[in-house]
Amino acid sequence: MALSFVTDPVTVRVPATSANLGPGFDALGLALALYDHVTGRVTDDGCTVTVTGQGAGELPDGAEHLVARSAYAAFDLLGARPPGLALACENRIPQARGLGSSSAAIVAGIEVARSLVAGGRELMDDAAALRLANELEGHPDNVAPCLLGGFTIAWTDGSGAHAVRLAPAADVHPTVFVPELRGLTAHARAALPAEVPHADAARNAGRSALLVHALTAAPELLLPATEDRLHQDYRAPGMPESAALVRRLRAAGVAAVISGAGPTVLALTQVPGDFEAGEGWSATPITVDSGGADLSSSTLGHAERYTIAAGRKS
């Protein structure tokens, strides 16, 4: 059967995320109400990407851009590529700060592709989109909350990535401390040891279970629930300012963790935070995003299609 594409542009909104939450390394993630917007449309030839906001002038402007690569991976899985693709990215998520900018780009590309293909969201459901996003990203704890919203628990097995979405308690209030300096996930992962003490692994397992309860039902337990012995201390030498800020906040009774691979710090409080960021940092209270990747309703339901097999509009 010929694969058809809608000809009007589609716009998707994707949230920032904070993954590796405390003890929840590679498993727990939280969607945050800070968004990138990506508009995609089918063209007659080639691939162009324009970027405004974060990453403007730094990111690729063609098919090598991560949004484009992710879109093409989704098109390939769906069965065909459009003759051309134009993408416009309006980025607000800081790049390389541990707030899921790469995951947002991957999810945005997949969502654009699903939306430009006629019937694409039925051909590729959310479960399949998550599996593809995980294949492109390498671990599911950032892509799951970006796609689904809320607080997610993600895991992988022989069939790929899976996730469940939970609603955080109403009195969980995140604050992000974003530094001027950037970090790289690959460098942070390289700092992790191949083995950890059994006692530390067992302690983290208990704290991860407690964090699910704390985030969804008992925010008063967030401080003990965010204790970690699996990854943050090993990464601390590569981001000493972030590690020091986490220690200061936790000593003051604030549930603070490294966001993602850092260097951003995430604080979770029962009332909206009012923090002095200090030199080199910006402290921003933020809300939890509950919807995940969102397609503008105005881009749905277009009748005009471009049919690949016939090479014409129908």
C-alpha atoms as a PDB file:
ATOM      1  CA  MET A   1       0.000   0.000   0.000  1.00  0.00           C
ATOM      2  CA  ALA A   2       1.300   3.457  -0.906  1.00  0.00           C
ATOM      3  CA  LEU A   3       2.397   5.636   1.984  1.00  0.00           C
ATOM      4  CA  SER A   4       0.920   9.146   1.925  1.00  0.00           C
ATOM      5  CA  PHE A   5       2.020  12.338   3.641  1.00  0.00           C
ATOM      6  CA  VAL A   6       0.010  15.348   4.744  1.00  0.00           C
ATOM      7  CA  THR A   7       1.153  18.492   2.975  1.00  0.00           C
ATOM      8  CA  ASP A   8       0.332  21.089   5.628  1.00  0.00           C
ATOM      9  CA  PRO A   9       2.966  21.649   8.340  1.00  0.00           C
ATOM     10  CA  VAL A  10       2.725  19.971  11.740  1.00  0.00           C
ATOM     11  CA  THR A  11       4.011  21.391  15.010  1.00  0.00           C
ATOM     12  CA  VAL A  12       5.003  19.367  18.051  1.00  0.00           C
ATOM     13  CA  ARG A  13       5.889  20.553  21.542  1.00  0.00           C
ATOM     14  CA  VAL A  14       8.280  18.457  23.622  1.00  0.00           C
ATOM     15  CA  PRO A  15       9.176  18.980  27.300  1.00  0.00           C
ATOM     16  CA  ALA A  16      12.477  19.083  29.096  1.00  0.00           C
ATOM     17  CA  THR A  17      13.183  16.140  31.352  1.00  0.00           C
ATOM     18  CA  SER A  18      15.188  15.285  34.424  1.00  0.00           C
ATOM     19  CA  ALA A  19      16.353  11.677  34.473  1.00  0.00           C
ATOM     20  CA  ASN A  20      18.503   9.478  36.726  1.00  0.00           C
ATOM     21  CA  LEU A  21      16.426  10.907  39.575  1.00  0.00           C
ATOM     22  CA  GLY A  22      18.551  10.418  42.689  1.00  0.00           C
ATOM     23  CA  PRO A  23      18.734   6.625  43.098  1.00  0.00           C
ATOM     24  CA  GLY A  24      16.735   5.989  39.917  1.00  0.00           C
ATOM     25  CA  PHE A  25      19.666   5.713  37.528  1.00  0.00           C
ATOM     26  CA  ASP A  26      18.545   4.832  33.974  1.00  0.00           C
ATOM     27  CA  ALA A  27      15.026   4.183  35.266  1.00  0.00           C
ATOM     28  CA  LEU A  28      13.207   7.197  36.734  1.00  0.00           C
ATOM     29  CA  GLY A  29      12.436  10.427  34.892  1.00  0.00           C
ATOM     30  CA  LEU A  30      10.355  13.563  35.322  1.00  0.00           C
ATOM     31  CA  ALA A  31       8.918  15.782  32.576  1.00  0.00           C
ATOM     32  CA  LEU A  32       9.329  19.532  33.156  1.00  0.00           C
ATOM     33  CA  ALA A  33       7.291  22.417  31.754  1.00  0.00           C
ATOM     34  CA  LEU A  34      10.040  23.881  29.592  1.00  0.00           C
ATOM     35  CA  TYR A  35       9.543  23.212  25.900  1.00  0.00           C
ATOM     36  CA  ASP A  36      11.080  22.986  22.469  1.00  0.00           C
ATOM     37  CA  HIS A  37       8.717  23.448  19.502  1.00  0.00           C
ATOM     38  CA  VAL A  38       9.428  21.787  16.168  1.00  0.00           C
ATOM     39  CA  THR A  39       7.485  22.420  12.967  1.00  0.00           C
ATOM     40  CA  GLY A  40       7.906  20.018  10.069  1.00  0.00           C
ATOM     41  CA  ARG A  41       6.543  19.980   6.541  1.00  0.00           C
ATOM     42  CA  VAL A  42       6.996  17.859   3.457  1.00  0.00           C
ATOM     43  CA  THR A  43       8.899  19.531   0.612  1.00  0.00           C
ATOM     44  CA  ASP A  44       9.831  18.503  -2.898  1.00  0.00           C
ATOM     45  CA  ASP A  45      13.486  17.752  -2.224  1.00  0.00           C
ATOM     46  CA  GLY A  46      16.293  17.808   0.349  1.00  0.00           C
ATOM     47  CA  CYS A  47      16.333  18.476   4.072  1.00  0.00           C
ATOM     48  CA  THR A  48      16.655  21.845   5.776  1.00  0.00           C
ATOM     49  CA  VAL A  49      16.687  22.647   9.491  1.00  0.00           C
ATOM     50  CA  THR A  50      16.452  26.120  10.980  1.00  0.00           C
ATOM     51  CA  VAL A  51      17.120  26.675  14.682  1.00  0.00           C
ATOM     52  CA  THR A  52      16.182  29.622  16.871  1.00  0.00           C
ATOM     53  CA  GLY A  53      16.845  29.960  20.573  1.00  0.00           C
ATOM     54  CA  GLN A  54      19.124  27.457  22.314  1.00  0.00           C
ATOM     55  CA  GLY A  55      21.734  26.023  19.949  1.00  0.00           C
ATOM     56  CA  ALA A  56      21.159  28.574  17.192  1.00  0.00           C
ATOM     57  CA  GLY A  57      24.292  28.912  15.085  1.00  0.00           C
ATOM     58  CA  GLU A  58      25.796  25.768  16.652  1.00  0.00           C
ATOM     59  CA  LEU A  59      23.590  22.877  15.553  1.00  0.00           C
ATOM     60  CA  PRO A  60      23.596  21.340  12.039  1.00  0.00           C
ATOM     61  CA  ASP A  61      21.190  22.767   9.480  1.00  0.00           C
ATOM     62  CA  GLY A  62      20.585  19.640   7.398  1.00  0.00           C
ATOM     63  CA  ALA A  63      19.894  15.919   7.571  1.00  0.00           C
ATOM     64  CA  GLU A  64      22.604  15.408  10.184  1.00  0.00           C
ATOM     65  CA  HIS A  65      20.610  17.396  12.770  1.00  0.00           C
ATOM     66  CA  LEU A  66      19.323  15.073  15.505  1.00  0.00           C
ATOM     67  CA  VAL A  67      15.665  16.006  14.913  1.00  0.00           C
ATOM     68  CA  ALA A  68      16.059  15.190  11.213  1.00  0.00           C
ATOM     69  CA  ARG A  69      17.926  11.942  11.861  1.00  0.00           C
ATOM     70  CA  SER A  70      15.222  10.855  14.286  1.00  0.00           C
ATOM     71  CA  ALA A  71      12.455  11.803  11.864  1.00  0.00           C
ATOM     72  CA  TYR A  72      14.070   9.803   9.076  1.00  0.00           C
ATOM     73  CA  ALA A  73      14.504   6.802  11.386  1.00  0.00           C
ATOM     74  CA  ALA A  74      10.773   6.970  12.094  1.00  0.00           C
ATOM     75  CA  PHE A  75       9.917   7.393   8.394  1.00  0.00           C
ATOM     76  CA  ASP A  76      12.021   4.325   7.609  1.00  0.00           C
ATOM     77  CA  LEU A  77      10.204   2.309  10.256  1.00  0.00           C
ATOM     78  CA  LEU A  78       6.864   3.505   8.904  1.00  0.00           C
ATOM     79  CA  GLY A  79       7.795   2.457   5.385  1.00  0.00           C
ATOM     80  CA  ALA A  80       8.921   5.423   3.273  1.00  0.00           C
ATOM     81  CA  ARG A  81      10.608   8.814   3.356  1.00  0.00           C
ATOM     82  CA  PRO A  82       8.989  11.986   2.002  1.00  0.00           C
ATOM     83  CA  PRO A  83      10.628  13.569  -1.067  1.00  0.00           C
ATOM     84  CA  GLY A  84      11.928  16.412   1.114  1.00  0.00           C
ATOM     85  CA  LEU A  85      11.654  17.698   4.665  1.00  0.00           C
ATOM     86  CA  ALA A  86      11.848  21.165   6.215  1.00  0.00           C
ATOM     87  CA  LEU A  87      12.168  21.519   9.988  1.00  0.00           C
ATOM     88  CA  ALA A  88      12.001  24.658  12.111  1.00  0.00           C
ATOM     89  CA  CYS A  89      13.190  24.235  15.706  1.00  0.00           C
ATOM     90  CA  GLU A  90      12.387  26.793  18.392  1.00  0.00           C
ATOM     91  CA  ASN A  91      14.523  25.672  21.310  1.00  0.00           C
ATOM     92  CA  ARG A  92      14.125  26.724  24.923  1.00  0.00           C
ATOM     93  CA  ILE A  93      15.660  23.661  26.596  1.00  0.00           C
ATOM     94  CA  PRO A  94      19.318  24.417  27.429  1.00  0.00           C
ATOM     95  CA  GLN A  95      21.786  22.314  25.473  1.00  0.00           C
ATOM     96  CA  ALA A  96      24.117  19.856  27.247  1.00  0.00           C
ATOM     97  CA  ARG A  97      22.910  20.752  30.734  1.00  0.00           C
ATOM     98  CA  GLY A  98      21.203  17.537  31.868  1.00  0.00           C
ATOM     99  CA  LEU A  99      17.662  18.636  30.966  1.00  0.00           C
ATOM    100  CA  GLY A 100      17.062  16.219  28.124  1.00  0.00           C
ATOM    101  CA  SER A 101      17.702  18.408  25.080  1.00  0.00           C
ATOM    102  CA  SER A 102      18.860  15.399  23.058  1.00  0.00           C
ATOM    103  CA  SER A 103      15.870  13.337  24.124  1.00  0.00           C
ATOM    104  CA  ALA A 104      13.577  16.229  23.215  1.00  0.00           C
ATOM    105  CA  ALA A 105      15.131  16.369  19.754  1.00  0.00           C
ATOM    106  CA  ILE A 106      14.711  12.622  19.274  1.00  0.00           C
ATOM    107  CA  VAL A 107      11.102  12.570  20.441  1.00  0.00           C
ATOM    108  CA  ALA A 108      10.298  15.676  18.384  1.00  0.00           C
ATOM    109  CA  GLY A 109      11.677  14.071  15.225  1.00  0.00           C
ATOM    110  CA  ILE A 110       9.686  10.885  15.782  1.00  0.00           C
ATOM    111  CA  GLU A 111       6.522  12.845  16.529  1.00  0.00           C
ATOM    112  CA  VAL A 112       6.932  14.983  13.407  1.00  0.00           C
ATOM    113  CA  ALA A 113       7.321  11.856  11.290  1.00  0.00           C
ATOM    114  CA  ARG A 114       4.316  10.122  12.892  1.00  0.00           C
ATOM    115  CA  SER A 115       2.251  13.226  12.240  1.00  0.00           C
ATOM    116  CA  LEU A 116       3.350  13.870   8.653  1.00  0.00           C
ATOM    117  CA  VAL A 117       2.496  10.336   7.578  1.00  0.00           C
ATOM    118  CA  ALA A 118      -1.189   9.854   6.881  1.00  0.00           C
ATOM    119  CA  GLY A 119      -2.356   7.483   9.617  1.00  0.00           C
ATOM    120  CA  GLY A 120       1.150   7.456  11.072  1.00  0.00           C
ATOM    121  CA  ARG A 121       0.034   7.585  14.670  1.00  0.00           C
ATOM    122  CA  GLU A 122      -1.912   4.373  14.134  1.00  0.00           C
ATOM    123  CA  LEU A 123       0.938   2.734  12.228  1.00  0.00           C
ATOM    124  CA  MET A 124       3.371   3.650  15.036  1.00  0.00           C
ATOM    125  CA  ASP A 125       1.739   3.820  18.469  1.00  0.00           C
ATOM    126  CA  ASP A 126       3.318   5.306  21.592  1.00  0.00           C
ATOM    127  CA  ALA A 127       4.851   1.975  22.595  1.00  0.00           C
ATOM    128  CA  ALA A 128       6.620   1.681  19.234  1.00  0.00           C
ATOM    129  CA  ALA A 129       7.653   5.347  19.373  1.00  0.00           C
ATOM    130  CA  LEU A 130       9.210   4.752  22.799  1.00  0.00           C
ATOM    131  CA  ARG A 131      11.128   1.722  21.539  1.00  0.00           C
ATOM    132  CA  LEU A 132      12.531   3.712  18.632  1.00  0.00           C
ATOM    133  CA  ALA A 133      13.388   6.712  20.822  1.00  0.00           C
ATOM    134  CA  ASN A 134      15.265   4.446  23.203  1.00  0.00           C
ATOM    135  CA  GLU A 135      17.190   2.857  20.329  1.00  0.00           C
ATOM    136  CA  LEU A 136      18.274   6.308  19.188  1.00  0.00           C
ATOM    137  CA  GLU A 137      19.018   7.673  22.671  1.00  0.00           C
ATOM    138  CA  GLY A 138      20.547   4.588  24.251  1.00  0.00           C
ATOM    139  CA  HIS A 139      18.599   4.595  27.531  1.00  0.00           C
ATOM    140  CA  PRO A 140      14.911   5.152  28.228  1.00  0.00           C
ATOM    141  CA  ASP A 141      14.697   7.299  31.353  1.00  0.00           C
ATOM    142  CA  ASN A 142      14.815  10.620  29.472  1.00  0.00           C
ATOM    143  CA  VAL A 143      12.792   9.754  26.371  1.00  0.00           C
ATOM    144  CA  ALA A 144       9.958   8.159  28.371  1.00  0.00           C
ATOM    145  CA  PRO A 145       8.901  11.308  30.288  1.00  0.00           C
ATOM    146  CA  CYS A 146       9.452  13.447  27.187  1.00  0.00           C
ATOM    147  CA  LEU A 147       7.049  11.275  25.222  1.00  0.00           C
ATOM    148  CA  LEU A 148       4.532  10.498  27.970  1.00  0.00           C
ATOM    149  CA  GLY A 149       4.806  13.367  30.464  1.00  0.00           C
ATOM    150  CA  GLY A 150       4.617  13.185  34.245  1.00  0.00           C
ATOM    151  CA  PHE A 151       6.810  10.867  36.299  1.00  0.00           C
ATOM    152  CA  THR A 152       7.881   7.721  34.479  1.00  0.00           C
ATOM    153  CA  ILE A 153       9.447   4.408  35.362  1.00  0.00           C
ATOM    154  CA  ALA A 154      11.235   2.933  32.363  1.00  0.00           C
ATOM    155  CA  TRP A 155      12.926  -0.380  31.712  1.00  0.00           C
ATOM    156  CA  THR A 156      14.145  -2.512  28.835  1.00  0.00           C
ATOM    157  CA  ASP A 157      13.912  -6.183  27.963  1.00  0.00           C
ATOM    158  CA  GLY A 158      14.418  -8.317  24.890  1.00  0.00           C
ATOM    159  CA  SER A 159      11.644  -6.501  23.030  1.00  0.00           C
ATOM    160  CA  GLY A 160      12.998  -3.010  23.750  1.00  0.00           C
ATOM    161  CA  ALA A 161      11.989  -0.167  26.055  1.00  0.00           C
ATOM    162  CA  HIS A 162       8.836   0.092  28.135  1.00  0.00           C
ATOM    163  CA  ALA A 163       7.533   2.683  30.570  1.00  0.00           C
ATOM    164  CA  VAL A 164       4.696   3.438  32.919  1.00  0.00           C
ATOM    165  CA  ARG A 165       3.536   6.953  33.634  1.00  0.00           C
ATOM    166  CA  LEU A 166       2.552   8.094  37.123  1.00  0.00           C
ATOM    167  CA  ALA A 167       1.176  11.450  38.269  1.00  0.00           C
ATOM    168  CA  PRO A 168       3.372  13.257  40.814  1.00  0.00           C
ATOM    169  CA  ALA A 169       1.701  14.580  43.939  1.00  0.00           C
ATOM    170  CA  ALA A 170       0.336  18.108  43.598  1.00  0.00           C
ATOM    171  CA  ASP A 171       2.711  19.450  46.235  1.00  0.00           C
ATOM    172  CA  VAL A 172       5.903  18.393  44.463  1.00  0.00           C
ATOM    173  CA  HIS A 173       7.573  21.575  43.215  1.00  0.00           C
ATOM    174  CA  PRO A 174      10.766  21.334  41.122  1.00  0.00           C
ATOM    175  CA  THR A 175      13.433  24.021  40.878  1.00  0.00           C
ATOM    176  CA  VAL A 176      16.247  23.727  38.350  1.00  0.00           C
ATOM    177  CA  PHE A 177      19.669  25.236  38.976  1.00  0.00           C
ATOM    178  CA  VAL A 178      21.228  25.642  35.536  1.00  0.00           C
ATOM    179  CA  PRO A 179      24.932  26.528  35.330  1.00  0.00           C
ATOM    180  CA  GLU A 180      26.592  28.508  32.608  1.00  0.00           C
ATOM    181  CA  LEU A 181      28.972  25.615  31.919  1.00  0.00           C
ATOM    182  CA  ARG A 182      27.916  22.642  29.812  1.00  0.00           C
ATOM    183  CA  GLY A 183      28.394  18.931  30.358  1.00  0.00           C
ATOM    184  CA  LEU A 184      28.543  15.853  28.150  1.00  0.00           C
ATOM    185  CA  THR A 185      26.629  12.651  28.868  1.00  0.00           C
ATOM    186  CA  ALA A 186      29.390  10.510  27.358  1.00  0.00           C
ATOM    187  CA  HIS A 187      31.967  11.956  29.762  1.00  0.00           C
ATOM    188  CA  ALA A 188      29.642  11.479  32.735  1.00  0.00           C
ATOM    189  CA  ARG A 189      29.014   7.840  31.793  1.00  0.00           C
ATOM    190  CA  ALA A 190      32.725   7.215  31.395  1.00  0.00           C
ATOM    191  CA  ALA A 191      33.185   8.127  35.068  1.00  0.00           C
ATOM    192  CA  LEU A 192      30.987   5.266  36.262  1.00  0.00           C
ATOM    193  CA  PRO A 193      32.680   2.098  37.546  1.00  0.00           C
ATOM    194  CA  ALA A 194      31.942  -1.296  36.039  1.00  0.00           C
ATOM    195  CA  GLU A 195      31.009  -2.644  39.489  1.00  0.00           C
ATOM    196  CA  VAL A 196      29.619  -1.158  42.706  1.00  0.00           C
ATOM    197  CA  PRO A 197      29.441  -2.616  46.229  1.00  0.00           C
ATOM    198  CA  HIS A 198      26.462  -4.895  46.779  1.00  0.00           C
ATOM    199  CA  ALA A 199      25.430  -2.870  49.831  1.00  0.00           C
ATOM    200  CA  ASP A 200      25.266   0.329  47.753  1.00  0.00           C
ATOM    201  CA  ALA A 201      23.197  -1.364  45.058  1.00  0.00           C
ATOM    202  CA  ALA A 202      20.801  -2.738  47.662  1.00  0.00           C
ATOM    203  CA  ARG A 203      20.478   0.655  49.322  1.00  0.00           C
ATOM    204  CA  ASN A 204      19.718   2.300  45.984  1.00  0.00           C
ATOM    205  CA  ALA A 205      17.054  -0.283  45.194  1.00  0.00           C
ATOM    206  CA  GLY A 206      15.279   0.572  48.434  1.00  0.00           C
ATOM    207  CA  ARG A 207      15.600   4.299  47.910  1.00  0.00           C
ATOM    208  CA  SER A 208      14.265   4.003  44.335  1.00  0.00           C
ATOM    209  CA  ALA A 209      11.181   2.223  45.605  1.00  0.00           C
ATOM    210  CA  LEU A 210      10.761   4.871  48.270  1.00  0.00           C
ATOM    211  CA  LEU A 211      11.128   7.645  45.694  1.00  0.00           C
ATOM    212  CA  VAL A 212       8.159   6.302  43.709  1.00  0.00           C
ATOM    213  CA  HIS A 213       6.062   6.576  46.878  1.00  0.00           C
ATOM    214  CA  ALA A 214       7.498   9.975  47.820  1.00  0.00           C
ATOM    215  CA  LEU A 215       6.913  11.552  44.411  1.00  0.00           C
ATOM    216  CA  THR A 216       3.376  10.266  44.023  1.00  0.00           C
ATOM    217  CA  ALA A 217       1.975  10.193  47.568  1.00  0.00           C
ATOM    218  CA  ALA A 218       4.367  11.310  50.326  1.00  0.00           C
ATOM    219  CA  PRO A 219       6.535  14.311  49.350  1.00  0.00           C
ATOM    220  CA  GLU A 220       7.648  14.673  52.979  1.00  0.00           C
ATOM    221  CA  LEU A 221       9.899  11.666  52.280  1.00  0.00           C
ATOM    222  CA  LEU A 222      11.660  13.205  49.286  1.00  0.00           C
ATOM    223  CA  LEU A 223      14.919  13.912  51.115  1.00  0.00           C
ATOM    224  CA  PRO A 224      15.680  10.320  52.161  1.00  0.00           C
ATOM    225  CA  ALA A 225      14.093   8.992  48.976  1.00  0.00           C
ATOM    226  CA  THR A 226      16.562  10.878  46.742  1.00  0.00           C
ATOM    227  CA  GLU A 227      19.694   9.537  48.433  1.00  0.00           C
ATOM    228  CA  ASP A 228      22.002   7.939  45.876  1.00  0.00           C
ATOM    229  CA  ARG A 229      25.150   5.822  46.035  1.00  0.00           C
ATOM    230  CA  LEU A 230      25.163   4.522  42.478  1.00  0.00           C
ATOM    231  CA  HIS A 231      26.222   7.358  40.174  1.00  0.00           C
ATOM    232  CA  GLN A 232      26.386  10.907  41.540  1.00  0.00           C
ATOM    233  CA  ASP A 233      29.470  10.558  43.749  1.00  0.00           C
ATOM    234  CA  TYR A 234      31.402   8.879  40.941  1.00  0.00           C
ATOM    235  CA  ARG A 235      30.582  11.764  38.615  1.00  0.00           C
ATOM    236  CA  ALA A 236      31.261  14.498  41.168  1.00  0.00           C
ATOM    237  CA  PRO A 237      34.932  15.125  40.187  1.00  0.00           C
ATOM    238  CA  GLY A 238      33.768  16.053  36.682  1.00  0.00           C
ATOM    239  CA  MET A 239      31.238  18.597  37.973  1.00  0.00           C
ATOM    240  CA  PRO A 240      32.516  19.766  41.371  1.00  0.00           C
ATOM    241  CA  GLU A 241      30.357  22.901  41.495  1.00  0.00           C
ATOM    242  CA  SER A 242      27.195  20.861  40.891  1.00  0.00           C
ATOM    243  CA  ALA A 243      28.183  18.264  43.486  1.00  0.00           C
ATOM    244  CA  ALA A 244      28.895  21.012  46.018  1.00  0.00           C
ATOM    245  CA  LEU A 245      25.508  22.613  45.372  1.00  0.00           C
ATOM    246  CA  VAL A 246      23.743  19.265  45.863  1.00  0.00           C
ATOM    247  CA  ARG A 247      25.567  18.806  49.186  1.00  0.00           C
ATOM    248  CA  ARG A 248      24.669  22.313  50.372  1.00  0.00           C
ATOM    249  CA  LEU A 249      21.014  21.948  49.498  1.00  0.00           C
ATOM    250  CA  ARG A 250      20.710  18.509  51.057  1.00  0.00           C
ATOM    251  CA  ALA A 251      22.437  19.707  54.224  1.00  0.00           C
ATOM    252  CA  ALA A 252      19.716  22.372  54.400  1.00  0.00           C
ATOM    253  CA  GLY A 253      17.016  19.698  54.137  1.00  0.00           C
ATOM    254  CA  VAL A 254      16.265  20.141  50.420  1.00  0.00           C
ATOM    255  CA  ALA A 255      15.897  17.035  48.227  1.00  0.00           C
ATOM    256  CA  ALA A 256      18.484  17.904  45.583  1.00  0.00           C
ATOM    257  CA  VAL A 257      19.974  15.674  42.886  1.00  0.00           C
ATOM    258  CA  ILE A 258      22.000  15.957  39.711  1.00  0.00           C
ATOM    259  CA  SER A 259      19.613  16.287  36.778  1.00  0.00           C
ATOM    260  CA  GLY A 260      20.309  13.718  34.097  1.00  0.00           C
ATOM    261  CA  ALA A 261      24.032  13.547  33.457  1.00  0.00           C
ATOM    262  CA  GLY A 262      24.453  17.078  34.837  1.00  0.00           C
ATOM    263  CA  PRO A 263      25.608  19.653  35.406  1.00  0.00           C
ATOM    264  CA  THR A 264      22.109  21.050  36.196  1.00  0.00           C
ATOM    265  CA  VAL A 265      20.869  20.428  39.739  1.00  0.00           C
ATOM    266  CA  LEU A 266      17.222  19.605  40.423  1.00  0.00           C
ATOM    267  CA  ALA A 267      15.589  20.407  43.770  1.00  0.00           C
ATOM    268  CA  LEU A 268      12.215  18.968  44.785  1.00  0.00           C
ATOM    269  CA  THR A 269      10.301  20.775  47.515  1.00  0.00           C
ATOM    270  CA  GLN A 270       6.801  20.685  48.990  1.00  0.00           C
ATOM    271  CA  VAL A 271       6.334  24.413  48.461  1.00  0.00           C
ATOM    272  CA  PRO A 272       7.625  26.457  45.520  1.00  0.00           C
ATOM    273  CA  GLY A 273      11.298  27.173  46.054  1.00  0.00           C
ATOM    274  CA  ASP A 274      12.793  30.633  46.511  1.00  0.00           C
ATOM    275  CA  PHE A 275      16.520  30.044  46.168  1.00  0.00           C
ATOM    276  CA  GLU A 276      19.511  32.301  45.640  1.00  0.00           C
ATOM    277  CA  ALA A 277      21.289  30.757  42.705  1.00  0.00           C
ATOM    278  CA  GLY A 278      24.748  32.161  43.335  1.00  0.00           C
ATOM    279  CA  GLU A 279      27.274  33.284  40.768  1.00  0.00           C
ATOM    280  CA  GLY A 280      27.294  31.214  37.602  1.00  0.00           C
ATOM    281  CA  TRP A 281      23.861  29.683  38.228  1.00  0.00           C
ATOM    282  CA  SER A 282      20.262  30.484  37.409  1.00  0.00           C
ATOM    283  CA  ALA A 283      17.591  29.084  39.743  1.00  0.00           C
ATOM    284  CA  THR A 284      14.193  28.647  38.106  1.00  0.00           C
ATOM    285  CA  PRO A 285      11.061  27.257  39.770  1.00  0.00           C
ATOM    286  CA  ILE A 286       9.255  25.078  37.255  1.00  0.00           C
ATOM    287  CA  THR A 287       6.202  22.859  37.140  1.00  0.00           C
ATOM    288  CA  VAL A 288       5.872  19.218  36.158  1.00  0.00           C
ATOM    289  CA  ASP A 289       4.647  18.680  32.600  1.00  0.00           C
ATOM    290  CA  SER A 290       1.737  16.276  32.597  1.00  0.00           C
ATOM    291  CA  GLY A 291       1.121  15.808  28.881  1.00  0.00           C
ATOM    292  CA  GLY A 292       4.441  14.897  27.284  1.00  0.00           C
ATOM    293  CA  ALA A 293       4.944  15.359  23.553  1.00  0.00           C
ATOM    294  CA  ASP A 294       2.004  17.323  22.221  1.00  0.00           C
ATOM    295  CA  LEU A 295       0.833  17.753  18.647  1.00  0.00           C
ATOM    296  CA  SER A 296      -0.885  21.008  17.801  1.00  0.00           C
ATOM    297  CA  SER A 297      -4.543  20.221  17.157  1.00  0.00           C
ATOM    298  CA  SER A 298      -4.539  22.613  14.196  1.00  0.00           C
ATOM    299  CA  THR A 299      -2.233  20.236  12.289  1.00  0.00           C
ATOM    300  CA  LEU A 300      -4.553  17.242  12.471  1.00  0.00           C
ATOM    301  CA  GLY A 301      -7.061  16.055   9.905  1.00  0.00           C
ATOM    302  CA  HIS A 302      -5.764  17.579   6.676  1.00  0.00           C
ATOM    303  CA  ALA A 303      -7.258  15.955   3.580  1.00  0.00           C
ATOM    304  CA  GLU A 304      -4.557  16.892   1.095  1.00  0.00           C
ATOM    305  CA  ARG A 305      -1.930  14.160   0.832  1.00  0.00           C
ATOM    306  CA  TYR A 306       1.307  13.511  -1.037  1.00  0.00           C
ATOM    307  CA  THR A 307       1.423   9.864  -2.165  1.00  0.00           C
ATOM    308  CA  ILE A 308       4.904   8.444  -2.569  1.00  0.00           C
ATOM    309  CA  ALA A 309       3.961   5.568  -4.855  1.00  0.00           C
ATOM    310  CA  ALA A 310       2.222   7.847  -7.366  1.00  0.00           C
ATOM    311  CA  GLY A 311       4.555  10.778  -6.911  1.00  0.00           C
ATOM    312  CA  ARG A 312       1.651  13.219  -6.900  1.00  0.00           C
ATOM    313  CA  LYS A 313      -0.784  14.949  -4.618  1.00  0.00           C
ATOM    314  CA  SER A 314      -4.089  13.179  -4.125  1.00  0.00           C
END
